[in-house]
Amino acid sequence: MVKKKAAKKKVVKKKVAKKKVAKKVVKKKVAKKVVKKKVAKKKKK
């Protein structure tokens, strides 16, 4: 029983880690979009 619970906890930790990584990737993509918008504005000026 204890071993099964430990295994489940490991799986949960992996899922949480993946979610965190996904969030970082999304933030990077958003940051790139913001940078592109800023660059576009500069070019217009």
PDB file of N, CA and C in Angstrom:
ATOM      1  N   MET A   1       0.839  -1.212   0.000  1.00  0.00           N
ATOM      2  CA  MET A   1       0.000   0.000   0.000  1.00  0.00           C
ATOM      3  C   MET A   1       0.878   1.268   0.000  1.00  0.00           C
ATOM      4  N   VAL A   2       1.856   1.263   0.901  1.00  0.00           N
ATOM      5  CA  VAL A   2       2.715   2.448   1.015  1.00  0.00           C
ATOM      6  C   VAL A   2       3.464   2.694  -0.294  1.00  0.00           C
ATOM      7  N   LYS A   3       3.961   1.613  -0.890  1.00  0.00           N
ATOM      8  CA  LYS A   3       4.716   1.758  -2.148  1.00  0.00           C
ATOM      9  C   LYS A   3       3.819   2.333  -3.245  1.00  0.00           C
ATOM     10  N   LYS A   4       2.592   1.871  -3.296  1.00  0.00           N
ATOM     11  CA  LYS A   4       1.656   2.371  -4.318  1.00  0.00           C
ATOM     12  C   LYS A   4       1.414   3.862  -4.110  1.00  0.00           C
ATOM     13  N   LYS A   5       1.242   4.256  -2.869  1.00  0.00           N
ATOM     14  CA  LYS A   5       0.999   5.684  -2.586  1.00  0.00           C
ATOM     15  C   LYS A   5       2.202   6.516  -3.014  1.00  0.00           C
ATOM     16  N   ALA A   6       3.400   6.015  -2.739  1.00  0.00           N
ATOM     17  CA  ALA A   6       4.617   6.738  -3.119  1.00  0.00           C
ATOM     18  C   ALA A   6       4.690   6.876  -4.634  1.00  0.00           C
ATOM     19  N   ALA A   7       4.319   5.819  -5.325  1.00  0.00           N
ATOM     20  CA  ALA A   7       4.358   5.847  -6.790  1.00  0.00           C
ATOM     21  C   ALA A   7       3.378   6.897  -7.307  1.00  0.00           C
ATOM     22  N   LYS A   8       2.202   6.938  -6.693  1.00  0.00           N
ATOM     23  CA  LYS A   8       1.194   7.921  -7.122  1.00  0.00           C
ATOM     24  C   LYS A   8       1.713   9.333  -6.901  1.00  0.00           C
ATOM     25  N   LYS A   9       2.376   9.551  -5.773  1.00  0.00           N
ATOM     26  CA  LYS A   9       2.911  10.887  -5.473  1.00  0.00           C
ATOM     27  C   LYS A   9       3.928  11.285  -6.533  1.00  0.00           C
ATOM     28  N   LYS A  10       4.766  10.327  -6.949  1.00  0.00           N
ATOM     29  CA  LYS A  10       5.777  10.618  -7.974  1.00  0.00           C
ATOM     30  C   LYS A  10       5.102  11.031  -9.276  1.00  0.00           C
ATOM     31  N   VAL A  11       4.059  10.320  -9.626  1.00  0.00           N
ATOM     32  CA  VAL A  11       3.324  10.633 -10.864  1.00  0.00           C
ATOM     33  C   VAL A  11       2.747  12.040 -10.772  1.00  0.00           C
ATOM     34  N   VAL A  12       2.164  12.356  -9.623  1.00  0.00           N
ATOM     35  CA  VAL A  12       1.575  13.686  -9.431  1.00  0.00           C
ATOM     36  C   VAL A  12       2.666  14.752  -9.561  1.00  0.00           C
ATOM     37  N   LYS A  13       3.828  14.497  -8.957  1.00  0.00           N
ATOM     38  CA  LYS A  13       4.928  15.467  -9.028  1.00  0.00           C
ATOM     39  C   LYS A  13       5.345  15.694 -10.482  1.00  0.00           C
ATOM     40  N   LYS A  14       5.408  14.599 -11.243  1.00  0.00           N
ATOM     41  CA  LYS A  14       5.796  14.715 -12.661  1.00  0.00           C
ATOM     42  C   LYS A  14       4.773  15.558 -13.407  1.00  0.00           C
ATOM     43  N   LYS A  15       3.495  15.323 -13.137  1.00  0.00           N
ATOM     44  CA  LYS A  15       2.432  16.089 -13.806  1.00  0.00           C
ATOM     45  C   LYS A  15       2.556  17.563 -13.467  1.00  0.00           C
ATOM     46  N   VAL A  16       2.803  17.864 -12.201  1.00  0.00           N
ATOM     47  CA  VAL A  16       2.937  19.260 -11.777  1.00  0.00           C
ATOM     48  C   VAL A  16       4.141  19.897 -12.474  1.00  0.00           C
ATOM     49  N   ALA A  17       5.237  19.139 -12.562  1.00  0.00           N
ATOM     50  CA  ALA A  17       6.446  19.652 -13.208  1.00  0.00           C
ATOM     51  C   ALA A  17       6.153  19.973 -14.674  1.00  0.00           C
ATOM     52  N   LYS A  18       5.431  19.076 -15.329  1.00  0.00           N
ATOM     53  CA  LYS A  18       5.092  19.291 -16.748  1.00  0.00           C
ATOM     54  C   LYS A  18       4.246  20.538 -16.895  1.00  0.00           C
ATOM     55  N   LYS A  19       3.300  20.739 -15.975  1.00  0.00           N
ATOM     56  CA  LYS A  19       2.436  21.922 -16.037  1.00  0.00           C
ATOM     57  C   LYS A  19       3.272  23.184 -15.886  1.00  0.00           C
ATOM     58  N   LYS A  20       4.233  23.150 -14.965  1.00  0.00           N
ATOM     59  CA  LYS A  20       5.087  24.323 -14.746  1.00  0.00           C
ATOM     60  C   LYS A  20       5.886  24.632 -16.000  1.00  0.00           C
ATOM     61  N   VAL A  21       6.417  23.583 -16.620  1.00  0.00           N
ATOM     62  CA  VAL A  21       7.210  23.776 -17.840  1.00  0.00           C
ATOM     63  C   VAL A  21       6.319  24.358 -18.934  1.00  0.00           C
ATOM     64  N   ALA A  22       5.100  23.827 -19.030  1.00  0.00           N
ATOM     65  CA  ALA A  22       4.160  24.313 -20.042  1.00  0.00           C
ATOM     66  C   ALA A  22       3.884  25.798 -19.837  1.00  0.00           C
ATOM     67  N   LYS A  23       3.710  26.178 -18.585  1.00  0.00           N
ATOM     68  CA  LYS A  23       3.434  27.592 -18.281  1.00  0.00           C
ATOM     69  C   LYS A  23       4.612  28.459 -18.700  1.00  0.00           C
ATOM     70  N   LYS A  24       5.827  27.978 -18.439  1.00  0.00           N
ATOM     71  CA  LYS A  24       7.016  28.744 -18.820  1.00  0.00           C
ATOM     72  C   LYS A  24       7.065  28.933 -20.326  1.00  0.00           C
ATOM     73  N   VAL A  25       6.760  27.858 -21.050  1.00  0.00           N
ATOM     74  CA  VAL A  25       6.784  27.921 -22.519  1.00  0.00           C
ATOM     75  C   VAL A  25       5.757  28.947 -23.000  1.00  0.00           C
ATOM     76  N   VAL A  26       4.570  28.912 -22.397  1.00  0.00           N
ATOM     77  CA  VAL A  26       3.513  29.854 -22.781  1.00  0.00           C
ATOM     78  C   VAL A  26       3.979  31.282 -22.506  1.00  0.00           C
ATOM     79  N   LYS A  27       4.595  31.488 -21.353  1.00  0.00           N
ATOM     80  CA  LYS A  27       5.062  32.833 -21.001  1.00  0.00           C
ATOM     81  C   LYS A  27       6.089  33.316 -22.014  1.00  0.00           C
ATOM     82  N   LYS A  28       6.986  32.422 -22.427  1.00  0.00           N
ATOM     83  CA  LYS A  28       8.012  32.787 -23.404  1.00  0.00           C
ATOM     84  C   LYS A  28       7.357  33.197 -24.716  1.00  0.00           C
ATOM     85  N   LYS A  29       6.366  32.415 -25.140  1.00  0.00           N
ATOM     86  CA  LYS A  29       5.656  32.723 -26.395  1.00  0.00           C
ATOM     87  C   LYS A  29       4.979  34.079 -26.294  1.00  0.00           C
ATOM     88  N   VAL A  30       4.333  34.332 -25.166  1.00  0.00           N
ATOM     89  CA  VAL A  30       3.644  35.616 -24.969  1.00  0.00           C
ATOM     90  C   VAL A  30       4.672  36.747 -24.984  1.00  0.00           C
ATOM     91  N   ALA A  31       5.792  36.526 -24.331  1.00  0.00           N
ATOM     92  CA  ALA A  31       6.837  37.544 -24.272  1.00  0.00           C
ATOM     93  C   ALA A  31       7.324  37.867 -25.678  1.00  0.00           C
ATOM     94  N   LYS A  32       7.500  36.829 -26.493  1.00  0.00           N
ATOM     95  CA  LYS A  32       7.960  37.044 -27.869  1.00  0.00           C
ATOM     96  C   LYS A  32       6.937  37.868 -28.640  1.00  0.00           C
ATOM     97  N   LYS A  33       5.660  37.564 -28.438  1.00  0.00           N
ATOM     98  CA  LYS A  33       4.600  38.314 -29.131  1.00  0.00           C
ATOM     99  C   LYS A  33       4.654  39.780 -28.724  1.00  0.00           C
ATOM    100  N   VAL A  34       4.835  40.044 -27.441  1.00  0.00           N
ATOM    101  CA  VAL A  34       4.894  41.420 -26.944  1.00  0.00           C
ATOM    102  C   VAL A  34       6.085  42.133 -27.575  1.00  0.00           C
ATOM    103  N   VAL A  35       7.221  41.451 -27.627  1.00  0.00           N
ATOM    104  CA  VAL A  35       8.423  42.050 -28.219  1.00  0.00           C
ATOM    105  C   VAL A  35       8.160  42.380 -29.686  1.00  0.00           C
ATOM    106  N   LYS A  36       7.529  41.455 -30.390  1.00  0.00           N
ATOM    107  CA  LYS A  36       7.229  41.691 -31.814  1.00  0.00           C
ATOM    108  C   LYS A  36       6.334  42.912 -31.975  1.00  0.00           C
ATOM    109  N   LYS A  37       5.346  43.038 -31.105  1.00  0.00           N
ATOM    110  CA  LYS A  37       4.443  44.198 -31.174  1.00  0.00           C
ATOM    111  C   LYS A  37       5.225  45.483 -30.961  1.00  0.00           C
ATOM    112  N   LYS A  38       6.128  45.484 -29.987  1.00  0.00           N
ATOM    113  CA  LYS A  38       6.930  46.677 -29.699  1.00  0.00           C
ATOM    114  C   LYS A  38       7.787  47.027 -30.897  1.00  0.00           C
ATOM    115  N   VAL A  39       8.383  45.999 -31.491  1.00  0.00           N
ATOM    116  CA  VAL A  39       9.244  46.219 -32.665  1.00  0.00           C
ATOM    117  C   VAL A  39       8.404  46.786 -33.807  1.00  0.00           C
ATOM    118  N   ALA A  40       7.217  46.247 -33.980  1.00  0.00           N
ATOM    119  CA  ALA A  40       6.330  46.713 -35.056  1.00  0.00           C
ATOM    120  C   ALA A  40       6.000  48.193 -34.855  1.00  0.00           C
ATOM    121  N   LYS A  41       5.742  48.576 -33.611  1.00  0.00           N
ATOM    122  CA  LYS A  41       5.417  49.978 -33.323  1.00  0.00           C
ATOM    123  C   LYS A  41       6.606  50.876 -33.657  1.00  0.00           C
ATOM    124  N   LYS A  42       7.805  50.428 -33.302  1.00  0.00           N
ATOM    125  CA  LYS A  42       9.008  51.216 -33.570  1.00  0.00           C
ATOM    126  C   LYS A  42       9.180  51.398 -35.074  1.00  0.00           C
ATOM    127  N   LYS A  43       8.945  50.343 -35.827  1.00  0.00           N
ATOM    128  CA  LYS A  43       9.108  50.405 -37.287  1.00  0.00           C
ATOM    129  C   LYS A  43       8.122  51.404 -37.886  1.00  0.00           C
ATOM    130  N   LYS A  44       6.919  51.443 -37.359  1.00  0.00           N
ATOM    131  CA  LYS A  44       5.899  52.364 -37.871  1.00  0.00           C
ATOM    132  C   LYS A  44       6.341  53.805 -37.644  1.00  0.00           C
ATOM    133  N   LYS A  45       6.936  54.054 -36.483  1.00  0.00           N
ATOM    134  CA  LYS A  45       7.390  55.417 -36.165  1.00  0.00           C
ATOM    135  C   LYS A  45       8.553  55.764 -37.094  1.00  0.00           C
TER     136      LYS A  45
END
